[in-house]
Amino acid sequence: MDMKKEILNVKGININQVVEDFCLYFSPDAKMVFSNESVRVVVVEKFFFRIKNDVAATVIFELRGQDIINVHIVVAGGSDLMGFTFGVYKSMLKKIKKIFENIGAKEFLELSDEM
């Protein structure tokens, strides 16, 4: 299994709107598993029948200030019987990061990379 982790610092957007847009984008594969005033945890699981491979992402939205959110993303993809991952975890990470670009984040900083 391959795994990738990134932490994004996103400025200029509302945490409630971000989480709602995120869940709508990945519906029905996304499920909020935890929520309080400053933290939201969403899990996305997707299975690809064509290549018989799956990917799971845990996304933690952490409110750091009035309009500053740290987004912790951990993506892992299983492999098929031969051990091939087909890069599904990289594709999912790219798709998640693209969401923040599309919803109008004023600032988008990568804080850390690979696990």
PDB file of N, CA and C in Angstrom:
ATOM      1  N   MET A   1       0.840  -1.167   0.000  1.00  0.00           N
ATOM      2  CA  MET A   1       0.000   0.000   0.000  1.00  0.00           C
ATOM      3  C   MET A   1       0.892   1.239   0.000  1.00  0.00           C
ATOM      4  N   ASP A   2       0.528   2.214  -0.811  1.00  0.00           N
ATOM      5  CA  ASP A   2       1.250   3.485  -0.857  1.00  0.00           C
ATOM      6  C   ASP A   2       0.438   4.545  -0.129  1.00  0.00           C
ATOM      7  N   MET A   3       1.160   5.487   0.509  1.00  0.00           N
ATOM      8  CA  MET A   3       0.500   6.539   1.254  1.00  0.00           C
ATOM      9  C   MET A   3       1.205   7.861   1.009  1.00  0.00           C
ATOM     10  N   LYS A   4       0.428   8.934   1.025  1.00  0.00           N
ATOM     11  CA  LYS A   4       0.971  10.268   0.862  1.00  0.00           C
ATOM     12  C   LYS A   4       0.249  11.193   1.825  1.00  0.00           C
ATOM     13  N   LYS A   5       1.007  12.125   2.431  1.00  0.00           N
ATOM     14  CA  LYS A   5       0.430  13.069   3.382  1.00  0.00           C
ATOM     15  C   LYS A   5       0.854  14.480   3.007  1.00  0.00           C
ATOM     16  N   GLU A   6      -0.081  15.411   3.100  1.00  0.00           N
ATOM     17  CA  GLU A   6       0.229  16.820   2.896  1.00  0.00           C
ATOM     18  C   GLU A   6      -0.578  17.648   3.876  1.00  0.00           C
ATOM     19  N   ILE A   7      -0.034  18.781   4.252  1.00  0.00           N
ATOM     20  CA  ILE A   7      -0.748  19.752   5.077  1.00  0.00           C
ATOM     21  C   ILE A   7      -0.797  21.050   4.291  1.00  0.00           C
ATOM     22  N   LEU A   8      -1.996  21.548   4.086  1.00  0.00           N
ATOM     23  CA  LEU A   8      -2.184  22.779   3.329  1.00  0.00           C
ATOM     24  C   LEU A   8      -2.639  23.878   4.271  1.00  0.00           C
ATOM     25  N   ASN A   9      -2.151  25.079   4.064  1.00  0.00           N
ATOM     26  CA  ASN A   9      -2.583  26.249   4.812  1.00  0.00           C
ATOM     27  C   ASN A   9      -3.414  27.078   3.842  1.00  0.00           C
ATOM     28  N   VAL A  10      -4.709  27.151   4.098  1.00  0.00           N
ATOM     29  CA  VAL A  10      -5.618  27.829   3.180  1.00  0.00           C
ATOM     30  C   VAL A  10      -6.168  29.068   3.859  1.00  0.00           C
ATOM     31  N   LYS A  11      -6.057  30.216   3.189  1.00  0.00           N
ATOM     32  CA  LYS A  11      -6.540  31.474   3.754  1.00  0.00           C
ATOM     33  C   LYS A  11      -7.670  32.045   2.906  1.00  0.00           C
ATOM     34  N   GLY A  12      -8.579  32.735   3.579  1.00  0.00           N
ATOM     35  CA  GLY A  12      -9.599  33.501   2.880  1.00  0.00           C
ATOM     36  C   GLY A  12     -10.889  32.764   2.586  1.00  0.00           C
ATOM     37  N   ILE A  13     -11.139  31.626   3.230  1.00  0.00           N
ATOM     38  CA  ILE A  13     -12.382  30.914   2.988  1.00  0.00           C
ATOM     39  C   ILE A  13     -12.996  30.447   4.304  1.00  0.00           C
ATOM     40  N   ASN A  14     -14.309  30.242   4.295  1.00  0.00           N
ATOM     41  CA  ASN A  14     -15.065  29.849   5.463  1.00  0.00           C
ATOM     42  C   ASN A  14     -15.021  28.335   5.635  1.00  0.00           C
ATOM     43  N   ILE A  15     -14.684  27.854   6.846  1.00  0.00           N
ATOM     44  CA  ILE A  15     -14.520  26.415   7.078  1.00  0.00           C
ATOM     45  C   ILE A  15     -15.808  25.643   6.802  1.00  0.00           C
ATOM     46  N   ASN A  16     -16.953  26.183   7.205  1.00  0.00           N
ATOM     47  CA  ASN A  16     -18.212  25.475   6.983  1.00  0.00           C
ATOM     48  C   ASN A  16     -18.513  25.324   5.497  1.00  0.00           C
ATOM     49  N   GLN A  17     -18.269  26.380   4.738  1.00  0.00           N
ATOM     50  CA  GLN A  17     -18.510  26.329   3.297  1.00  0.00           C
ATOM     51  C   GLN A  17     -17.538  25.370   2.615  1.00  0.00           C
ATOM     52  N   VAL A  18     -16.286  25.370   3.063  1.00  0.00           N
ATOM     53  CA  VAL A  18     -15.276  24.484   2.485  1.00  0.00           C
ATOM     54  C   VAL A  18     -15.654  23.023   2.690  1.00  0.00           C
ATOM     55  N   VAL A  19     -16.033  22.674   3.912  1.00  0.00           N
ATOM     56  CA  VAL A  19     -16.386  21.284   4.212  1.00  0.00           C
ATOM     57  C   VAL A  19     -17.627  20.878   3.430  1.00  0.00           C
ATOM     58  N   GLU A  20     -18.611  21.753   3.365  1.00  0.00           N
ATOM     59  CA  GLU A  20     -19.828  21.458   2.607  1.00  0.00           C
ATOM     60  C   GLU A  20     -19.514  21.239   1.128  1.00  0.00           C
ATOM     61  N   ASP A  21     -18.725  22.133   0.534  1.00  0.00           N
ATOM     62  CA  ASP A  21     -18.345  21.996  -0.877  1.00  0.00           C
ATOM     63  C   ASP A  21     -17.537  20.717  -1.108  1.00  0.00           C
ATOM     64  N   PHE A  22     -16.647  20.413  -0.184  1.00  0.00           N
ATOM     65  CA  PHE A  22     -15.811  19.213  -0.288  1.00  0.00           C
ATOM     66  C   PHE A  22     -16.683  17.959  -0.298  1.00  0.00           C
ATOM     67  N   CYS A  23     -17.604  17.868   0.660  1.00  0.00           N
ATOM     68  CA  CYS A  23     -18.484  16.693   0.752  1.00  0.00           C
ATOM     69  C   CYS A  23     -19.391  16.573  -0.471  1.00  0.00           C
ATOM     70  N   LEU A  24     -19.892  17.695  -0.968  1.00  0.00           N
ATOM     71  CA  LEU A  24     -20.728  17.667  -2.176  1.00  0.00           C
ATOM     72  C   LEU A  24     -19.934  17.191  -3.384  1.00  0.00           C
ATOM     73  N   TYR A  25     -18.701  17.649  -3.504  1.00  0.00           N
ATOM     74  CA  TYR A  25     -17.866  17.273  -4.639  1.00  0.00           C
ATOM     75  C   TYR A  25     -17.612  15.767  -4.662  1.00  0.00           C
ATOM     76  N   PHE A  26     -17.355  15.176  -3.495  1.00  0.00           N
ATOM     77  CA  PHE A  26     -17.035  13.755  -3.423  1.00  0.00           C
ATOM     78  C   PHE A  26     -18.243  12.874  -3.098  1.00  0.00           C
ATOM     79  N   SER A  27     -19.438  13.467  -3.059  1.00  0.00           N
ATOM     80  CA  SER A  27     -20.647  12.709  -2.779  1.00  0.00           C
ATOM     81  C   SER A  27     -20.837  11.628  -3.827  1.00  0.00           C
ATOM     82  N   PRO A  28     -21.228  10.439  -3.488  1.00  0.00           N
ATOM     83  CA  PRO A  28     -21.613   9.904  -2.187  1.00  0.00           C
ATOM     84  C   PRO A  28     -20.461   9.217  -1.461  1.00  0.00           C
ATOM     85  N   ASP A  29     -19.220   9.406  -1.922  1.00  0.00           N
ATOM     86  CA  ASP A  29     -18.064   8.702  -1.366  1.00  0.00           C
ATOM     87  C   ASP A  29     -17.495   9.346  -0.108  1.00  0.00           C
ATOM     88  N   ALA A  30     -17.952  10.563   0.241  1.00  0.00           N
ATOM     89  CA  ALA A  30     -17.422  11.272   1.403  1.00  0.00           C
ATOM     90  C   ALA A  30     -18.386  11.181   2.577  1.00  0.00           C
ATOM     91  N   LYS A  31     -17.806  11.057   3.770  1.00  0.00           N
ATOM     92  CA  LYS A  31     -18.624  10.998   4.973  1.00  0.00           C
ATOM     93  C   LYS A  31     -17.917  11.744   6.095  1.00  0.00           C
ATOM     94  N   MET A  32     -18.647  12.677   6.720  1.00  0.00           N
ATOM     95  CA  MET A  32     -18.078  13.382   7.865  1.00  0.00           C
ATOM     96  C   MET A  32     -18.122  12.440   9.062  1.00  0.00           C
ATOM     97  N   VAL A  33     -16.972  12.224   9.688  1.00  0.00           N
ATOM     98  CA  VAL A  33     -16.919  11.288  10.809  1.00  0.00           C
ATOM     99  C   VAL A  33     -16.738  11.983  12.154  1.00  0.00           C
ATOM    100  N   PHE A  34     -16.366  13.271  12.138  1.00  0.00           N
ATOM    101  CA  PHE A  34     -16.198  14.015  13.379  1.00  0.00           C
ATOM    102  C   PHE A  34     -16.361  15.496  13.086  1.00  0.00           C
ATOM    103  N   SER A  35     -16.989  16.213  14.029  1.00  0.00           N
ATOM    104  CA  SER A  35     -17.162  17.651  13.855  1.00  0.00           C
ATOM    105  C   SER A  35     -17.292  18.329  15.208  1.00  0.00           C
ATOM    106  N   ASN A  36     -16.545  19.428  15.373  1.00  0.00           N
ATOM    107  CA  ASN A  36     -16.757  20.314  16.516  1.00  0.00           C
ATOM    108  C   ASN A  36     -16.499  21.735  16.027  1.00  0.00           C
ATOM    109  N   GLU A  37     -16.343  22.697  16.918  1.00  0.00           N
ATOM    110  CA  GLU A  37     -16.210  24.092  16.501  1.00  0.00           C
ATOM    111  C   GLU A  37     -14.972  24.367  15.656  1.00  0.00           C
ATOM    112  N   SER A  38     -13.873  23.671  15.938  1.00  0.00           N
ATOM    113  CA  SER A  38     -12.629  24.014  15.246  1.00  0.00           C
ATOM    114  C   SER A  38     -12.058  22.903  14.372  1.00  0.00           C
ATOM    115  N   VAL A  39     -12.649  21.710  14.397  1.00  0.00           N
ATOM    116  CA  VAL A  39     -12.111  20.590  13.624  1.00  0.00           C
ATOM    117  C   VAL A  39     -13.246  19.830  12.944  1.00  0.00           C
ATOM    118  N   ARG A  40     -13.039  19.484  11.678  1.00  0.00           N
ATOM    119  CA  ARG A  40     -13.953  18.600  10.936  1.00  0.00           C
ATOM    120  C   ARG A  40     -13.098  17.496  10.329  1.00  0.00           C
ATOM    121  N   VAL A  41     -13.554  16.265  10.404  1.00  0.00           N
ATOM    122  CA  VAL A  41     -12.843  15.135   9.809  1.00  0.00           C
ATOM    123  C   VAL A  41     -13.769  14.479   8.789  1.00  0.00           C
ATOM    124  N   VAL A  42     -13.273  14.360   7.565  1.00  0.00           N
ATOM    125  CA  VAL A  42     -14.046  13.750   6.483  1.00  0.00           C
ATOM    126  C   VAL A  42     -13.230  12.593   5.916  1.00  0.00           C
ATOM    127  N   VAL A  43     -13.905  11.475   5.675  1.00  0.00           N
ATOM    128  CA  VAL A  43     -13.263  10.312   5.066  1.00  0.00           C
ATOM    129  C   VAL A  43     -13.895  10.087   3.692  1.00  0.00           C
ATOM    130  N   VAL A  44     -13.027   9.874   2.698  1.00  0.00           N
ATOM    131  CA  VAL A  44     -13.482   9.583   1.339  1.00  0.00           C
ATOM    132  C   VAL A  44     -12.930   8.218   0.955  1.00  0.00           C
ATOM    133  N   GLU A  45     -13.804   7.321   0.531  1.00  0.00           N
ATOM    134  CA  GLU A  45     -13.377   6.003   0.075  1.00  0.00           C
ATOM    135  C   GLU A  45     -13.957   5.756  -1.312  1.00  0.00           C
ATOM    136  N   LYS A  46     -13.116   5.289  -2.198  1.00  0.00           N
ATOM    137  CA  LYS A  46     -13.568   5.052  -3.571  1.00  0.00           C
ATOM    138  C   LYS A  46     -12.944   3.755  -4.080  1.00  0.00           C
ATOM    139  N   PHE A  47     -13.767   2.931  -4.740  1.00  0.00           N
ATOM    140  CA  PHE A  47     -13.291   1.693  -5.337  1.00  0.00           C
ATOM    141  C   PHE A  47     -13.416   1.807  -6.845  1.00  0.00           C
ATOM    142  N   PHE A  48     -12.367   1.437  -7.558  1.00  0.00           N
ATOM    143  CA  PHE A  48     -12.350   1.490  -9.016  1.00  0.00           C
ATOM    144  C   PHE A  48     -12.509   0.069  -9.550  1.00  0.00           C
ATOM    145  N   PHE A  49     -13.686  -0.237 -10.083  1.00  0.00           N
ATOM    146  CA  PHE A  49     -13.980  -1.588 -10.545  1.00  0.00           C
ATOM    147  C   PHE A  49     -13.085  -2.012 -11.701  1.00  0.00           C
ATOM    148  N   ARG A  50     -12.821  -1.084 -12.611  1.00  0.00           N
ATOM    149  CA  ARG A  50     -12.061  -1.422 -13.816  1.00  0.00           C
ATOM    150  C   ARG A  50     -10.683  -1.980 -13.482  1.00  0.00           C
ATOM    151  N   ILE A  51     -10.031  -1.390 -12.494  1.00  0.00           N
ATOM    152  CA  ILE A  51      -8.687  -1.853 -12.137  1.00  0.00           C
ATOM    153  C   ILE A  51      -8.668  -2.607 -10.805  1.00  0.00           C
ATOM    154  N   LYS A  52      -9.869  -2.808 -10.229  1.00  0.00           N
ATOM    155  CA  LYS A  52     -10.011  -3.520  -8.950  1.00  0.00           C
ATOM    156  C   LYS A  52      -9.035  -2.974  -7.897  1.00  0.00           C
ATOM    157  N   ASN A  53      -9.144  -1.674  -7.688  1.00  0.00           N
ATOM    158  CA  ASN A  53      -8.250  -0.974  -6.783  1.00  0.00           C
ATOM    159  C   ASN A  53      -9.065   0.037  -5.986  1.00  0.00           C
ATOM    160  N   ASP A  54      -8.635   0.342  -4.786  1.00  0.00           N
ATOM    161  CA  ASP A  54      -9.354   1.305  -3.964  1.00  0.00           C
ATOM    162  C   ASP A  54      -8.410   2.389  -3.459  1.00  0.00           C
ATOM    163  N   VAL A  55      -9.023   3.468  -2.995  1.00  0.00           N
ATOM    164  CA  VAL A  55      -8.257   4.565  -2.415  1.00  0.00           C
ATOM    165  C   VAL A  55      -9.080   5.144  -1.266  1.00  0.00           C
ATOM    166  N   ALA A  56      -8.397   5.549  -0.217  1.00  0.00           N
ATOM    167  CA  ALA A  56      -9.065   6.180   0.922  1.00  0.00           C
ATOM    168  C   ALA A  56      -8.310   7.451   1.285  1.00  0.00           C
ATOM    169  N   ALA A  57      -9.068   8.480   1.616  1.00  0.00           N
ATOM    170  CA  ALA A  57      -8.468   9.751   2.031  1.00  0.00           C
ATOM    171  C   ALA A  57      -9.117  10.191   3.337  1.00  0.00           C
ATOM    172  N   THR A  58      -8.294  10.589   4.281  1.00  0.00           N
ATOM    173  CA  THR A  58      -8.780  11.209   5.506  1.00  0.00           C
ATOM    174  C   THR A  58      -8.357  12.668   5.439  1.00  0.00           C
ATOM    175  N   VAL A  59      -9.341  13.549   5.539  1.00  0.00           N
ATOM    176  CA  VAL A  59      -9.077  14.980   5.426  1.00  0.00           C
ATOM    177  C   VAL A  59      -9.538  15.650   6.715  1.00  0.00           C
ATOM    178  N   ILE A  60      -8.593  16.312   7.371  1.00  0.00           N
ATOM    179  CA  ILE A  60      -8.891  16.998   8.623  1.00  0.00           C
ATOM    180  C   ILE A  60      -8.833  18.497   8.374  1.00  0.00           C
ATOM    181  N   PHE A  61      -9.958  19.163   8.586  1.00  0.00           N
ATOM    182  CA  PHE A  61     -10.046  20.612   8.442  1.00  0.00           C
ATOM    183  C   PHE A  61      -9.904  21.212   9.824  1.00  0.00           C
ATOM    184  N   GLU A  62      -8.846  21.997  10.025  1.00  0.00           N
ATOM    185  CA  GLU A  62      -8.557  22.561  11.336  1.00  0.00           C
ATOM    186  C   GLU A  62      -8.597  24.084  11.257  1.00  0.00           C
ATOM    187  N   LEU A  63      -9.542  24.687  11.964  1.00  0.00           N
ATOM    188  CA  LEU A  63      -9.676  26.135  11.980  1.00  0.00           C
ATOM    189  C   LEU A  63      -8.560  26.734  12.810  1.00  0.00           C
ATOM    190  N   ARG A  64      -7.728  27.597  12.188  1.00  0.00           N
ATOM    191  CA  ARG A  64      -6.588  28.203  12.878  1.00  0.00           C
ATOM    192  C   ARG A  64      -6.820  29.667  13.208  1.00  0.00           C
ATOM    193  N   GLY A  65      -7.773  30.300  12.549  1.00  0.00           N
ATOM    194  CA  GLY A  65      -8.082  31.702  12.762  1.00  0.00           C
ATOM    195  C   GLY A  65      -9.392  32.014  12.068  1.00  0.00           C
ATOM    196  N   GLN A  66      -9.759  33.278  12.032  1.00  0.00           N
ATOM    197  CA  GLN A  66     -11.041  33.687  11.429  1.00  0.00           C
ATOM    198  C   GLN A  66     -11.215  33.130  10.020  1.00  0.00           C
ATOM    199  N   ASP A  67     -10.204  33.235   9.189  1.00  0.00           N
ATOM    200  CA  ASP A  67     -10.331  32.743   7.806  1.00  0.00           C
ATOM    201  C   ASP A  67      -9.097  31.941   7.382  1.00  0.00           C
ATOM    202  N   ILE A  68      -8.498  31.233   8.343  1.00  0.00           N
ATOM    203  CA  ILE A  68      -7.319  30.407   8.057  1.00  0.00           C
ATOM    204  C   ILE A  68      -7.626  28.965   8.462  1.00  0.00           C
ATOM    205  N   ILE A  69      -7.429  28.052   7.534  1.00  0.00           N
ATOM    206  CA  ILE A  69      -7.691  26.640   7.772  1.00  0.00           C
ATOM    207  C   ILE A  69      -6.445  25.840   7.430  1.00  0.00           C
ATOM    208  N   ASN A  70      -6.040  24.951   8.327  1.00  0.00           N
ATOM    209  CA  ASN A  70      -5.044  23.947   7.982  1.00  0.00           C
ATOM    210  C   ASN A  70      -5.807  22.713   7.535  1.00  0.00           C
ATOM    211  N   VAL A  71      -5.435  22.184   6.391  1.00  0.00           N
ATOM    212  CA  VAL A  71      -6.091  21.002   5.860  1.00  0.00           C
ATOM    213  C   VAL A  71      -5.051  19.886   5.830  1.00  0.00           C
ATOM    214  N   HIS A  72      -5.258  18.879   6.669  1.00  0.00           N
ATOM    215  CA  HIS A  72      -4.359  17.724   6.736  1.00  0.00           C
ATOM    216  C   HIS A  72      -4.956  16.642   5.843  1.00  0.00           C
ATOM    217  N   ILE A  73      -4.195  16.189   4.871  1.00  0.00           N
ATOM    218  CA  ILE A  73      -4.686  15.198   3.919  1.00  0.00           C
ATOM    219  C   ILE A  73      -3.789  13.964   3.981  1.00  0.00           C
ATOM    220  N   VAL A  74      -4.394  12.825   4.226  1.00  0.00           N
ATOM    221  CA  VAL A  74      -3.668  11.554   4.186  1.00  0.00           C
ATOM    222  C   VAL A  74      -4.413  10.666   3.193  1.00  0.00           C
ATOM    223  N   VAL A  75      -3.711  10.241   2.152  1.00  0.00           N
ATOM    224  CA  VAL A  75      -4.317   9.421   1.105  1.00  0.00           C
ATOM    225  C   VAL A  75      -3.541   8.120   0.997  1.00  0.00           C
ATOM    226  N   ALA A  76      -4.260   7.011   0.955  1.00  0.00           N
ATOM    227  CA  ALA A  76      -3.624   5.710   0.793  1.00  0.00           C
ATOM    228  C   ALA A  76      -4.400   4.907  -0.242  1.00  0.00           C
ATOM    229  N   GLY A  77      -3.658   4.226  -1.083  1.00  0.00           N
ATOM    230  CA  GLY A  77      -4.289   3.393  -2.103  1.00  0.00           C
ATOM    231  C   GLY A  77      -3.794   1.979  -1.988  1.00  0.00           C
ATOM    232  N   GLY A  78      -4.725   1.051  -2.054  1.00  0.00           N
ATOM    233  CA  GLY A  78      -4.354  -0.355  -2.028  1.00  0.00           C
ATOM    234  C   GLY A  78      -3.782  -0.759  -3.370  1.00  0.00           C
ATOM    235  N   SER A  79      -3.329  -1.961  -3.441  1.00  0.00           N
ATOM    236  CA  SER A  79      -2.789  -2.457  -4.706  1.00  0.00           C
ATOM    237  C   SER A  79      -3.589  -3.673  -5.146  1.00  0.00           C
ATOM    238  N   ASP A  80      -3.482  -4.000  -6.418  1.00  0.00           N
ATOM    239  CA  ASP A  80      -4.181  -5.175  -6.918  1.00  0.00           C
ATOM    240  C   ASP A  80      -3.401  -6.434  -6.545  1.00  0.00           C
ATOM    241  N   LEU A  81      -3.813  -7.565  -7.036  1.00  0.00           N
ATOM    242  CA  LEU A  81      -3.173  -8.831  -6.680  1.00  0.00           C
ATOM    243  C   LEU A  81      -1.705  -8.895  -7.083  1.00  0.00           C
ATOM    244  N   MET A  82      -1.338  -8.149  -8.111  1.00  0.00           N
ATOM    245  CA  MET A  82       0.046  -8.143  -8.586  1.00  0.00           C
ATOM    246  C   MET A  82       0.902  -7.076  -7.893  1.00  0.00           C
ATOM    247  N   GLY A  83       0.271  -6.259  -7.044  1.00  0.00           N
ATOM    248  CA  GLY A  83       1.021  -5.237  -6.327  1.00  0.00           C
ATOM    249  C   GLY A  83       1.055  -3.876  -7.009  1.00  0.00           C
ATOM    250  N   PHE A  84       0.299  -3.720  -8.110  1.00  0.00           N
ATOM    251  CA  PHE A  84       0.270  -2.441  -8.819  1.00  0.00           C
ATOM    252  C   PHE A  84      -0.762  -1.515  -8.187  1.00  0.00           C
ATOM    253  N   THR A  85      -0.393  -0.248  -7.994  1.00  0.00           N
ATOM    254  CA  THR A  85      -1.331   0.716  -7.419  1.00  0.00           C
ATOM    255  C   THR A  85      -1.985   1.579  -8.482  1.00  0.00           C
ATOM    256  N   PHE A  86      -1.413   1.643  -9.660  1.00  0.00           N
ATOM    257  CA  PHE A  86      -1.917   2.472 -10.759  1.00  0.00           C
ATOM    258  C   PHE A  86      -1.987   3.948 -10.388  1.00  0.00           C
ATOM    259  N   GLY A  87      -1.339   4.341  -9.295  1.00  0.00           N
ATOM    260  CA  GLY A  87      -1.272   5.751  -8.912  1.00  0.00           C
ATOM    261  C   GLY A  87      -2.580   6.355  -8.452  1.00  0.00           C
ATOM    262  N   VAL A  88      -3.520   5.528  -7.982  1.00  0.00           N
ATOM    263  CA  VAL A  88      -4.812   6.069  -7.580  1.00  0.00           C
ATOM    264  C   VAL A  88      -4.692   7.028  -6.400  1.00  0.00           C
ATOM    265  N   TYR A  89      -3.754   6.796  -5.505  1.00  0.00           N
ATOM    266  CA  TYR A  89      -3.607   7.685  -4.354  1.00  0.00           C
ATOM    267  C   TYR A  89      -3.077   9.051  -4.787  1.00  0.00           C
ATOM    268  N   LYS A  90      -2.161   9.074  -5.754  1.00  0.00           N
ATOM    269  CA  LYS A  90      -1.653  10.357  -6.262  1.00  0.00           C
ATOM    270  C   LYS A  90      -2.758  11.123  -6.976  1.00  0.00           C
ATOM    271  N   SER A  91      -3.571  10.405  -7.722  1.00  0.00           N
ATOM    272  CA  SER A  91      -4.683  11.021  -8.434  1.00  0.00           C
ATOM    273  C   SER A  91      -5.693  11.629  -7.463  1.00  0.00           C
ATOM    274  N   MET A  92      -6.002  10.922  -6.381  1.00  0.00           N
ATOM    275  CA  MET A  92      -6.943  11.427  -5.386  1.00  0.00           C
ATOM    276  C   MET A  92      -6.384  12.668  -4.701  1.00  0.00           C
ATOM    277  N   LEU A  93      -5.109  12.661  -4.357  1.00  0.00           N
ATOM    278  CA  LEU A  93      -4.488  13.820  -3.717  1.00  0.00           C
ATOM    279  C   LEU A  93      -4.540  15.032  -4.638  1.00  0.00           C
ATOM    280  N   LYS A  94      -4.253  14.819  -5.891  1.00  0.00           N
ATOM    281  CA  LYS A  94      -4.301  15.903  -6.874  1.00  0.00           C
ATOM    282  C   LYS A  94      -5.715  16.472  -6.991  1.00  0.00           C
ATOM    283  N   LYS A  95      -6.713  15.589  -6.987  1.00  0.00           N
ATOM    284  CA  LYS A  95      -8.108  16.011  -7.085  1.00  0.00           C
ATOM    285  C   LYS A  95      -8.520  16.823  -5.855  1.00  0.00           C
ATOM    286  N   ILE A  96      -8.085  16.386  -4.675  1.00  0.00           N
ATOM    287  CA  ILE A  96      -8.412  17.109  -3.438  1.00  0.00           C
ATOM    288  C   ILE A  96      -7.784  18.501  -3.445  1.00  0.00           C
ATOM    289  N   LYS A  97      -6.523  18.596  -3.823  1.00  0.00           N
ATOM    290  CA  LYS A  97      -5.848  19.895  -3.862  1.00  0.00           C
ATOM    291  C   LYS A  97      -6.503  20.829  -4.872  1.00  0.00           C
ATOM    292  N   LYS A  98      -6.971  20.279  -5.976  1.00  0.00           N
ATOM    293  CA  LYS A  98      -7.625  21.081  -7.023  1.00  0.00           C
ATOM    294  C   LYS A  98      -8.903  21.740  -6.495  1.00  0.00           C
ATOM    295  N   ILE A  99      -9.599  21.067  -5.579  1.00  0.00           N
ATOM    296  CA  ILE A  99     -10.828  21.623  -5.003  1.00  0.00           C
ATOM    297  C   ILE A  99     -10.547  22.975  -4.356  1.00  0.00           C
ATOM    298  N   PHE A 100      -9.457  23.063  -3.612  1.00  0.00           N
ATOM    299  CA  PHE A 100      -9.145  24.304  -2.912  1.00  0.00           C
ATOM    300  C   PHE A 100      -8.783  25.423  -3.877  1.00  0.00           C
ATOM    301  N   GLU A 101      -8.186  25.081  -4.996  1.00  0.00           N
ATOM    302  CA  GLU A 101      -7.915  26.078  -6.031  1.00  0.00           C
ATOM    303  C   GLU A 101      -9.217  26.555  -6.656  1.00  0.00           C
ATOM    304  N   ASN A 102     -10.168  25.638  -6.848  1.00  0.00           N
ATOM    305  CA  ASN A 102     -11.428  25.972  -7.506  1.00  0.00           C
ATOM    306  C   ASN A 102     -12.396  26.760  -6.641  1.00  0.00           C
ATOM    307  N   ILE A 103     -12.298  26.643  -5.314  1.00  0.00           N
ATOM    308  CA  ILE A 103     -13.255  27.353  -4.464  1.00  0.00           C
ATOM    309  C   ILE A 103     -12.780  28.747  -4.081  1.00  0.00           C
ATOM    310  N   GLY A 104     -11.704  29.187  -4.670  1.00  0.00           N
ATOM    311  CA  GLY A 104     -11.294  30.572  -4.503  1.00  0.00           C
ATOM    312  C   GLY A 104     -10.453  30.864  -3.292  1.00  0.00           C
ATOM    313  N   ALA A 105      -9.649  29.921  -2.869  1.00  0.00           N
ATOM    314  CA  ALA A 105      -8.745  30.189  -1.746  1.00  0.00           C
ATOM    315  C   ALA A 105      -7.792  31.307  -2.146  1.00  0.00           C
ATOM    316  N   LYS A 106      -7.621  32.301  -1.263  1.00  0.00           N
ATOM    317  CA  LYS A 106      -6.746  33.425  -1.564  1.00  0.00           C
ATOM    318  C   LYS A 106      -5.279  33.035  -1.477  1.00  0.00           C
ATOM    319  N   GLU A 107      -4.980  32.110  -0.608  1.00  0.00           N
ATOM    320  CA  GLU A 107      -3.595  31.681  -0.439  1.00  0.00           C
ATOM    321  C   GLU A 107      -3.589  30.169  -0.262  1.00  0.00           C
ATOM    322  N   PHE A 108      -2.661  29.514  -0.890  1.00  0.00           N
ATOM    323  CA  PHE A 108      -2.626  28.054  -0.901  1.00  0.00           C
ATOM    324  C   PHE A 108      -1.181  27.634  -0.734  1.00  0.00           C
ATOM    325  N   LEU A 109      -0.781  27.272   0.495  1.00  0.00           N
ATOM    326  CA  LEU A 109       0.612  26.940   0.769  1.00  0.00           C
ATOM    327  C   LEU A 109       0.751  25.483   1.141  1.00  0.00           C
ATOM    328  N   GLU A 110       1.668  24.769   0.510  1.00  0.00           N
ATOM    329  CA  GLU A 110       1.981  23.408   0.903  1.00  0.00           C
ATOM    330  C   GLU A 110       2.975  23.465   2.048  1.00  0.00           C
ATOM    331  N   LEU A 111       2.621  22.897   3.180  1.00  0.00           N
ATOM    332  CA  LEU A 111       3.509  22.939   4.335  1.00  0.00           C
ATOM    333  C   LEU A 111       4.400  21.711   4.425  1.00  0.00           C
ATOM    334  N   SER A 112       3.871  20.552   4.069  1.00  0.00           N
ATOM    335  CA  SER A 112       4.698  19.359   4.133  1.00  0.00           C
ATOM    336  C   SER A 112       4.257  18.380   3.057  1.00  0.00           C
ATOM    337  N   ASP A 113       5.101  17.384   2.828  1.00  0.00           N
ATOM    338  CA  ASP A 113       4.842  16.460   1.748  1.00  0.00           C
ATOM    339  C   ASP A 113       5.022  15.038   2.248  1.00  0.00           C
ATOM    340  N   GLU A 114       5.300  14.146   1.378  1.00  0.00           N
ATOM    341  CA  GLU A 114       5.481  12.723   1.511  1.00  0.00           C
ATOM    342  C   GLU A 114       5.673  12.172   2.913  1.00  0.00           C
ATOM    343  N   MET A 115       5.090  11.016   3.152  1.00  0.00           N
ATOM    344  CA  MET A 115       5.258  10.280   4.407  1.00  0.00           C
ATOM    345  C   MET A 115       6.297   9.242   4.225  1.00  0.00           C
TER     346      MET A 115
END
